[in-house]
Amino acid sequence: MNLSSSFLVFLAVAAFAFPQFGEAAIIFKPGEKAKYVAPGEEEISGNAGQLFHIGQEAEKNGDLKRAIRAYRTLVRRHPKDALAPGATYRAAELQEKTRDYLRAAEMYRWLVERYPTNPHFNEAIEAQFRIGEMYLNGKKIKFLGISIASALDHAVEIFAAVVRTAPYGKYTARAQYDIGRAREKEGANDAAIQAYSAVVEKFPNDPVAADSQYQIGYIWFVAAREGTKDIAAANNARTAFQDFLFRYPNSEKAAQARANLLLLEHKQTSSSFNIAKYYDKQKYYRAAVIYYNEVIRQQPGSGESEKAKKRIDELRAKLGEAVMRPTLAAAEQAPAKKKPGEKEPAKNESAADGSAPLPPPETDPSLPPPASLLPDSTTAPAPAATPEPSAPADDGASPAP
């Protein structure tokens, strides 16, 4: 077989194996190289009516990609034509049908922003919300089977467009709530709280308002439970749950909110009890009594409360009522400063009368170690001696302001 015959056979096999290339177009333009265009990608020309007709015919023939291109071309070239709104809506619907969801959301958004009086406005808003929830609930954005972008960011963008373009619509409150959900999933708690707060403020009577108020409390609750150093976390959680119970007492989440408040109270009580034990161990008894009383106030009748009462009674029995009074009141009743020649009073009042020593406080290995008993030391230079003030010169000069 000669070379020409082999080449013809190769062309025949290639045409049989790859029939789509036989339908390809070669575009020639003056001054440019010939360009190969895949089937359906060739440029579509014509006026608005012709382009709309091309799109409809392509739909009938099942060529959805060509129909989308025709409709988009119409919108791009003839945006003010009467057929443009309908072409925009059909392009968006077909892109959603072919699972090109992000471009579909863009076309729906274009429709409601550029043509707000068109008859498909509400359908376009609903479609955007539907696509946004798809990405919120785990839809991946992939290219060649690989995740390439954050779906949650796109969900927030779509929901924000719904809130912006339909501020009083059917899906507006839910879209605002879903912005909070997306931000919470991302771990952006400040942004989530801001989004949930907007729901409560702008849509207080919508069913999702109760969920939004609960989530505000729950975000702070988790922060407090995870041991954050932000002392305000527990207080913010408590305030949010109390607001929730005041606004929505009949909500199905009311029981859980009350349980969370009890857990917050227990956490605060445990914290106060540990602080009291620390001061007790360091023999700062007046400070210890303050925190023991705080435990009794926070959770009367609890185990920690009973332990706090018992320890206060022990301190009162050995140190007297002085340990119960604030520092200022105790200082007013303190003995006068000793004069020269007077004996130093005994430092250990509990052992002065020969009675048994004060019962030791409960030991807890989790408490901080005691302070050092060594004298204070510092590397800072000693303060300079203050010079004697000199008599001001009587020169009639004005004093400095």
Protein backbone atom coordinates (compact mmCIF):
# COMPACT_ATOMS: atom_id res chain seq x y z
CA MET A 1 0.00 0.00 0.00
CA ASN A 2 1.49 3.31 -1.08
CA LEU A 3 1.66 6.45 1.04
CA SER A 4 -1.43 8.16 -0.45
CA SER A 5 -3.58 5.08 0.14
CA SER A 6 -2.42 4.88 3.76
CA PHE A 7 -3.30 8.53 4.30
CA LEU A 8 -6.81 8.02 2.88
CA VAL A 9 -7.37 5.02 5.13
CA PHE A 10 -6.20 7.07 8.13
CA LEU A 11 -8.67 9.85 7.29
CA ALA A 12 -11.51 7.36 6.94
CA VAL A 13 -10.74 5.75 10.32
CA ALA A 14 -10.41 9.16 11.98
CA ALA A 15 -13.73 10.33 10.56
CA PHE A 16 -15.43 7.16 11.79
CA ALA A 17 -13.85 7.29 15.27
CA PHE A 18 -14.33 11.05 15.82
CA PRO A 19 -17.45 12.10 13.96
CA GLN A 20 -17.81 15.28 15.99
CA PHE A 21 -14.76 16.76 14.24
CA GLY A 22 -16.51 16.40 10.94
CA GLU A 23 -19.07 18.93 12.15
CA ALA A 24 -16.44 21.43 13.29
CA ALA A 25 -16.13 24.83 11.71
CA ILE A 26 -13.00 26.55 10.45
CA ILE A 27 -13.27 30.32 10.81
CA PHE A 28 -11.34 32.52 8.39
CA LYS A 29 -11.01 36.26 9.06
CA PRO A 30 -9.00 38.83 7.12
CA GLY A 31 -5.57 39.30 8.64
CA GLU A 32 -6.01 36.44 11.11
CA LYS A 33 -5.05 32.80 11.15
CA ALA A 34 -7.68 30.15 10.57
CA LYS A 35 -9.32 29.18 13.85
CA TYR A 36 -11.01 25.89 14.73
CA VAL A 37 -14.33 26.25 16.60
CA ALA A 38 -16.01 23.30 18.29
CA PRO A 39 -19.56 22.41 17.26
CA GLY A 40 -22.07 24.80 18.78
CA GLU A 41 -19.39 27.38 19.62
CA GLU A 42 -19.40 29.21 16.34
CA GLU A 43 -20.46 32.83 16.42
CA ILE A 44 -24.18 33.49 16.10
CA SER A 45 -25.27 36.64 14.32
CA GLY A 46 -28.56 38.34 13.62
CA ASN A 47 -30.96 40.82 15.16
CA ALA A 48 -32.86 40.19 18.40
CA GLY A 49 -35.74 38.40 16.66
CA GLN A 50 -33.42 36.15 14.68
CA LEU A 51 -31.33 35.26 17.74
CA PHE A 52 -34.41 34.44 19.78
CA HIS A 53 -35.68 32.23 16.93
CA ILE A 54 -32.29 30.46 16.77
CA GLY A 55 -32.52 29.77 20.49
CA GLN A 56 -36.02 28.35 20.23
CA GLU A 57 -35.09 26.11 17.31
CA ALA A 58 -32.02 24.85 19.17
CA GLU A 59 -34.19 23.99 22.17
CA LYS A 60 -36.57 22.02 19.97
CA ASN A 61 -33.64 20.09 18.52
CA GLY A 62 -32.22 19.34 21.98
CA ASP A 63 -29.13 21.50 21.42
CA LEU A 64 -29.30 23.32 24.75
CA LYS A 65 -25.76 24.74 24.59
CA ARG A 66 -26.50 26.45 21.27
CA ALA A 67 -29.79 27.75 22.64
CA ILE A 68 -28.02 29.23 25.67
CA ARG A 69 -25.46 30.91 23.44
CA ALA A 70 -28.17 32.40 21.25
CA TYR A 71 -30.09 33.79 24.21
CA ARG A 72 -26.98 35.19 25.89
CA THR A 73 -25.85 36.77 22.64
CA LEU A 74 -29.24 38.44 22.31
CA VAL A 75 -28.99 39.87 25.85
CA ARG A 76 -25.42 41.08 25.30
CA ARG A 77 -26.04 42.75 21.93
CA HIS A 78 -29.62 43.93 22.37
CA PRO A 79 -30.13 44.49 26.13
CA LYS A 80 -32.93 47.03 25.59
CA ASP A 81 -34.93 44.93 23.17
CA ALA A 82 -38.33 43.67 24.33
CA LEU A 83 -37.13 40.08 23.87
CA ALA A 84 -34.13 40.53 26.22
CA PRO A 85 -35.92 39.73 29.53
CA GLY A 86 -37.43 36.52 28.14
CA ALA A 87 -34.09 35.50 26.62
CA THR A 88 -32.37 36.12 29.97
CA TYR A 89 -34.84 33.94 31.83
CA ARG A 90 -34.65 31.12 29.27
CA ALA A 91 -30.82 31.18 29.35
CA ALA A 92 -30.87 30.98 33.16
CA GLU A 93 -33.36 28.10 33.15
CA LEU A 94 -31.34 26.13 30.59
CA GLN A 95 -28.08 26.72 32.49
CA GLU A 96 -29.69 25.43 35.66
CA LYS A 97 -31.03 22.45 33.71
CA THR A 98 -27.52 21.66 32.41
CA ARG A 99 -26.17 21.99 36.01
CA ASP A 100 -24.21 25.14 35.32
CA TYR A 101 -25.56 26.52 38.57
CA LEU A 102 -23.29 29.49 39.19
CA ARG A 103 -23.88 30.93 35.72
CA ALA A 104 -27.58 30.27 36.12
CA ALA A 105 -27.57 32.24 39.38
CA GLU A 106 -25.76 35.08 37.60
CA MET A 107 -28.38 35.17 34.85
CA TYR A 108 -31.24 35.11 37.35
CA ARG A 109 -29.58 37.97 39.21
CA TRP A 110 -29.11 39.88 35.95
CA LEU A 111 -32.81 39.43 35.23
CA VAL A 112 -34.04 40.85 38.55
CA GLU A 113 -31.51 43.70 38.56
CA ARG A 114 -31.87 44.85 34.94
CA TYR A 115 -35.50 43.93 34.34
CA PRO A 116 -37.26 44.21 37.75
CA THR A 117 -40.72 44.58 36.16
CA ASN A 118 -40.53 41.39 34.12
CA PRO A 119 -43.16 38.71 34.86
CA HIS A 120 -40.51 36.17 35.94
CA PHE A 121 -39.11 38.27 38.82
CA ASN A 122 -40.43 36.06 41.62
CA GLU A 123 -39.39 32.86 39.85
CA ALA A 124 -35.87 34.25 39.45
CA ILE A 125 -35.64 35.12 43.17
CA GLU A 126 -36.84 31.64 44.13
CA ALA A 127 -34.36 30.03 41.75
CA GLN A 128 -31.46 32.00 43.26
CA PHE A 129 -32.51 30.95 46.75
CA ARG A 130 -32.74 27.33 45.61
CA ILE A 131 -29.23 27.39 44.14
CA GLY A 132 -27.84 29.17 47.23
CA GLU A 133 -29.21 26.50 49.58
CA MET A 134 -27.75 23.83 47.32
CA TYR A 135 -24.25 25.21 47.92
CA LEU A 136 -24.97 25.88 51.59
CA ASN A 137 -25.89 22.21 52.08
CA GLY A 138 -22.70 20.83 50.60
CA LYS A 139 -22.73 21.20 46.81
CA LYS A 140 -19.10 21.30 45.64
CA ILE A 141 -17.69 23.64 43.02
CA LYS A 142 -15.50 21.47 40.82
CA PHE A 143 -13.41 21.71 37.68
CA LEU A 144 -12.35 18.44 36.03
CA GLY A 145 -13.60 16.64 39.12
CA ILE A 146 -11.52 18.72 41.55
CA SER A 147 -12.96 21.13 44.14
CA ILE A 148 -11.61 24.55 43.22
CA ALA A 149 -13.53 27.10 45.32
CA SER A 150 -15.45 27.61 48.53
CA ALA A 151 -19.09 26.82 47.94
CA LEU A 152 -20.08 28.68 51.12
CA ASP A 153 -18.69 31.98 49.82
CA HIS A 154 -20.77 31.60 46.66
CA ALA A 155 -23.82 30.73 48.75
CA VAL A 156 -23.36 33.95 50.77
CA GLU A 157 -23.02 35.95 47.56
CA ILE A 158 -26.26 34.48 46.16
CA PHE A 159 -28.19 35.01 49.41
CA ALA A 160 -26.93 38.58 49.67
CA ALA A 161 -28.24 39.24 46.14
CA VAL A 162 -31.67 37.93 47.17
CA VAL A 163 -31.73 40.23 50.22
CA ARG A 164 -30.57 43.21 48.17
CA THR A 165 -32.88 42.81 45.18
CA ALA A 166 -36.01 41.64 47.04
CA PRO A 167 -35.82 43.26 50.52
CA TYR A 168 -39.47 42.48 51.30
CA GLY A 169 -39.82 39.22 49.43
CA LYS A 170 -40.91 35.76 50.45
CA TYR A 171 -37.35 34.42 50.73
CA THR A 172 -35.57 37.49 52.14
CA ALA A 173 -35.61 36.56 55.85
CA ARG A 174 -34.53 33.00 55.10
CA ALA A 175 -31.76 34.23 52.83
CA GLN A 176 -30.47 36.51 55.60
CA TYR A 177 -30.65 33.61 58.05
CA ASP A 178 -28.76 31.36 55.62
CA ILE A 179 -25.98 33.96 55.42
CA GLY A 180 -25.56 33.44 59.16
CA ARG A 181 -25.56 29.67 58.74
CA ALA A 182 -22.88 29.84 56.05
CA ARG A 183 -20.66 32.12 58.12
CA GLU A 184 -21.13 29.88 61.17
CA LYS A 185 -20.05 26.85 59.12
CA GLU A 186 -16.96 28.77 58.03
CA GLY A 187 -16.13 29.57 61.65
CA ALA A 188 -16.61 33.32 61.09
CA ASN A 189 -18.61 33.76 64.29
CA ASP A 190 -18.62 37.56 64.33
CA ALA A 191 -20.07 37.68 60.81
CA ALA A 192 -22.58 34.95 61.72
CA ILE A 193 -23.81 36.86 64.79
CA GLN A 194 -24.13 40.00 62.68
CA ALA A 195 -26.24 38.16 60.10
CA TYR A 196 -28.47 36.53 62.74
CA SER A 197 -28.93 39.87 64.51
CA ALA A 198 -30.13 41.40 61.23
CA VAL A 199 -32.85 38.75 61.01
CA VAL A 200 -34.06 39.48 64.56
CA GLU A 201 -34.05 43.24 63.99
CA LYS A 202 -35.59 43.36 60.50
CA PHE A 203 -37.87 40.30 60.54
CA PRO A 204 -38.85 39.77 64.20
CA ASN A 205 -42.13 38.05 63.29
CA ASP A 206 -40.67 35.61 60.78
CA PRO A 207 -40.31 31.98 61.98
CA VAL A 208 -36.53 32.08 61.40
CA ALA A 209 -36.16 35.01 63.83
CA ALA A 210 -36.45 32.63 66.80
CA ASP A 211 -33.81 30.34 65.31
CA SER A 212 -31.55 33.35 64.70
CA GLN A 213 -31.81 34.55 68.31
CA TYR A 214 -31.09 31.03 69.57
CA GLN A 215 -28.03 30.70 67.33
CA ILE A 216 -26.62 33.97 68.68
CA GLY A 217 -26.74 32.48 72.16
CA TYR A 218 -25.42 29.13 70.98
CA ILE A 219 -22.33 30.66 69.32
CA TRP A 220 -21.42 32.45 72.56
CA PHE A 221 -22.32 29.31 74.55
CA VAL A 222 -19.87 27.18 72.56
CA ALA A 223 -17.17 29.83 72.99
CA ALA A 224 -17.69 29.80 76.76
CA ARG A 225 -17.72 25.97 76.95
CA GLU A 226 -14.52 25.66 74.94
CA GLY A 227 -12.62 27.61 77.57
CA THR A 228 -12.15 30.87 75.73
CA LYS A 229 -10.30 33.58 77.64
CA ASP A 230 -12.99 36.06 76.69
CA ILE A 231 -14.83 36.49 80.00
CA ALA A 232 -17.71 38.17 78.18
CA ALA A 233 -18.56 34.98 76.24
CA ALA A 234 -20.57 33.41 79.08
CA ASN A 235 -22.32 36.70 79.85
CA ASN A 236 -23.20 37.23 76.18
CA ALA A 237 -24.53 33.68 75.91
CA ARG A 238 -26.64 34.17 79.02
CA THR A 239 -28.06 37.47 77.74
CA ALA A 240 -28.85 35.99 74.31
CA PHE A 241 -30.67 32.97 75.76
CA GLN A 242 -32.61 35.17 78.18
CA ASP A 243 -33.66 37.40 75.25
CA PHE A 244 -34.65 34.28 73.35
CA LEU A 245 -36.89 33.05 76.18
CA PHE A 246 -38.42 36.51 76.59
CA ARG A 247 -39.17 36.96 72.87
CA TYR A 248 -40.07 33.37 71.97
CA PRO A 249 -41.19 31.53 75.15
CA ASN A 250 -43.23 29.01 73.15
CA SER A 251 -40.43 28.04 70.76
CA GLU A 252 -39.54 24.36 70.50
CA LYS A 253 -35.99 25.34 71.48
CA ALA A 254 -37.07 27.02 74.74
CA ALA A 255 -36.33 23.90 76.84
CA GLN A 256 -32.82 23.65 75.39
CA ALA A 257 -32.21 27.35 76.04
CA ARG A 258 -33.15 26.86 79.73
CA ALA A 259 -30.83 23.86 79.97
CA ASN A 260 -28.01 25.90 78.47
CA LEU A 261 -28.59 28.66 81.02
CA LEU A 262 -28.28 26.11 83.85
CA LEU A 263 -25.00 24.87 82.41
CA LEU A 264 -23.71 28.43 82.20
CA GLU A 265 -24.65 29.05 85.84
CA HIS A 266 -22.89 25.86 86.92
CA LYS A 267 -19.76 26.83 84.98
CA GLN A 268 -19.67 30.25 86.62
CA THR A 269 -20.25 28.73 90.08
CA SER A 270 -17.42 26.25 89.59
CA SER A 271 -15.14 29.06 88.47
CA SER A 272 -15.95 31.17 91.56
CA PHE A 273 -15.44 28.16 93.86
CA ASN A 274 -11.99 27.46 92.37
CA ILE A 275 -10.98 31.10 92.80
CA ALA A 276 -12.18 31.00 96.43
CA LYS A 277 -10.10 27.87 97.13
CA TYR A 278 -7.04 29.50 95.57
CA TYR A 279 -7.28 32.58 97.81
CA ASP A 280 -7.99 30.33 100.79
CA LYS A 281 -4.84 28.34 100.11
CA GLN A 282 -2.81 31.55 99.87
CA LYS A 283 -4.30 32.66 103.24
CA TYR A 284 -6.02 35.65 101.66
CA TYR A 285 -9.06 34.80 103.70
CA ARG A 286 -11.08 37.96 103.13
CA ALA A 287 -10.87 37.50 99.32
CA ALA A 288 -11.71 33.80 99.73
CA VAL A 289 -14.84 34.65 101.72
CA ILE A 290 -15.97 37.05 98.99
CA TYR A 291 -15.85 34.29 96.39
CA TYR A 292 -17.37 31.69 98.72
CA ASN A 293 -20.33 34.04 99.17
CA GLU A 294 -20.53 34.43 95.39
CA VAL A 295 -20.85 30.66 95.07
CA ILE A 296 -23.70 30.65 97.61
CA ARG A 297 -25.46 33.46 95.75
CA GLN A 298 -25.07 31.89 92.30
CA GLN A 299 -26.33 28.38 93.12
CA PRO A 300 -27.93 28.05 96.54
CA GLY A 301 -28.39 24.46 97.62
CA SER A 302 -25.71 23.03 95.32
CA GLY A 303 -22.79 20.92 96.51
CA GLU A 304 -20.33 23.75 96.02
CA SER A 305 -22.65 26.07 97.94
CA GLU A 306 -22.71 23.74 100.96
CA LYS A 307 -18.92 23.44 100.91
CA ALA A 308 -18.61 27.23 100.71
CA LYS A 309 -20.91 27.70 103.74
CA LYS A 310 -18.93 25.16 105.77
CA ARG A 311 -15.62 26.84 104.99
CA ILE A 312 -16.97 30.30 105.86
CA ASP A 313 -18.12 28.99 109.24
CA GLU A 314 -14.65 27.56 109.89
CA LEU A 315 -13.01 30.88 109.01
CA ARG A 316 -15.46 32.83 111.18
CA ALA A 317 -14.86 30.51 114.16
CA LYS A 318 -11.07 30.95 114.04
CA LEU A 319 -10.61 34.49 112.73
CA GLY A 320 -13.74 36.21 113.97
CA GLU A 321 -16.11 38.52 112.18
CA ALA A 322 -13.29 40.71 110.86
CA VAL A 323 -12.66 38.30 108.02
CA MET A 324 -16.29 38.72 106.96
CA ARG A 325 -16.07 42.49 106.56
CA PRO A 326 -14.75 44.37 103.52
CA THR A 327 -11.16 45.57 103.61
CA LEU A 328 -12.05 49.21 104.24
CA ALA A 329 -14.29 48.40 107.22
CA ALA A 330 -11.61 46.18 108.71
CA ALA A 331 -8.99 48.88 108.26
CA GLU A 332 -11.10 51.41 110.18
CA GLN A 333 -11.24 49.07 113.19
CA ALA A 334 -7.59 48.06 113.01
CA PRO A 335 -5.43 48.88 116.10
CA ALA A 336 -3.42 52.10 116.07
CA LYS A 337 0.17 52.05 114.88
CA LYS A 338 2.50 50.88 117.63
CA LYS A 339 4.68 53.42 119.36
CA PRO A 340 8.45 53.07 119.82
CA GLY A 341 9.26 50.67 122.59
CA GLU A 342 6.02 48.71 122.36
CA LYS A 343 6.19 44.96 121.84
CA GLU A 344 5.32 43.45 118.48
CA PRO A 345 1.89 41.74 118.68
CA ALA A 346 1.63 38.08 117.92
CA LYS A 347 1.23 37.43 114.17
CA ASN A 348 -0.63 34.15 114.45
CA GLU A 349 -3.96 34.97 116.06
CA SER A 350 -5.19 31.41 115.83
CA ALA A 351 -2.29 30.12 117.94
CA ALA A 352 -2.19 33.05 120.46
CA ASP A 353 -4.71 31.48 122.78
CA GLY A 354 -3.28 28.01 122.48
CA SER A 355 -6.23 26.77 120.46
CA ALA A 356 -5.97 24.33 117.58
CA PRO A 357 -4.73 25.72 114.25
CA LEU A 358 -7.16 26.73 111.50
CA PRO A 359 -8.41 23.76 109.46
CA PRO A 360 -6.57 23.65 106.12
CA PRO A 361 -8.50 24.50 102.96
CA GLU A 362 -9.31 21.79 100.45
CA THR A 363 -6.38 20.91 98.27
CA ASP A 364 -6.79 20.87 94.54
CA PRO A 365 -3.84 19.99 92.26
CA SER A 366 -5.44 21.99 89.46
CA LEU A 367 -5.05 25.27 91.39
CA PRO A 368 -2.13 27.65 90.71
CA PRO A 369 1.01 27.15 92.85
CA PRO A 370 1.42 29.36 95.92
CA ALA A 371 3.24 32.66 95.60
CA SER A 372 6.98 32.73 96.31
CA LEU A 373 7.97 33.40 99.93
CA LEU A 374 11.26 34.95 98.90
CA PRO A 375 11.62 38.73 99.22
CA ASP A 376 10.69 40.75 96.17
CA SER A 377 13.54 41.45 93.79
CA THR A 378 13.73 43.76 90.84
CA THR A 379 16.23 44.84 88.23
CA ALA A 380 14.75 48.32 87.86
CA PRO A 381 17.01 51.22 88.94
CA ALA A 382 16.24 52.90 92.22
CA PRO A 383 14.28 56.15 91.91
CA ALA A 384 16.34 59.28 91.97
CA ALA A 385 16.15 61.51 95.03
CA THR A 386 13.69 64.35 94.69
CA PRO A 387 15.57 67.70 94.72
CA GLU A 388 14.58 70.35 97.23
CA PRO A 389 12.38 72.99 95.62
CA SER A 390 14.12 76.29 95.24
CA ALA A 391 12.48 79.59 96.06
CA PRO A 392 10.85 81.10 93.00
CA ALA A 393 12.49 84.17 91.63
CA ASP A 394 10.44 87.30 92.08
CA ASP A 395 10.83 88.53 88.54
CA GLY A 396 7.16 89.13 87.82
CA ALA A 397 7.00 86.29 85.30
CA SER A 398 3.65 84.51 84.87
CA PRO A 399 3.43 80.87 86.04
CA ALA A 400 3.40 78.14 83.43
CA PRO A 401 -0.12 77.13 82.33
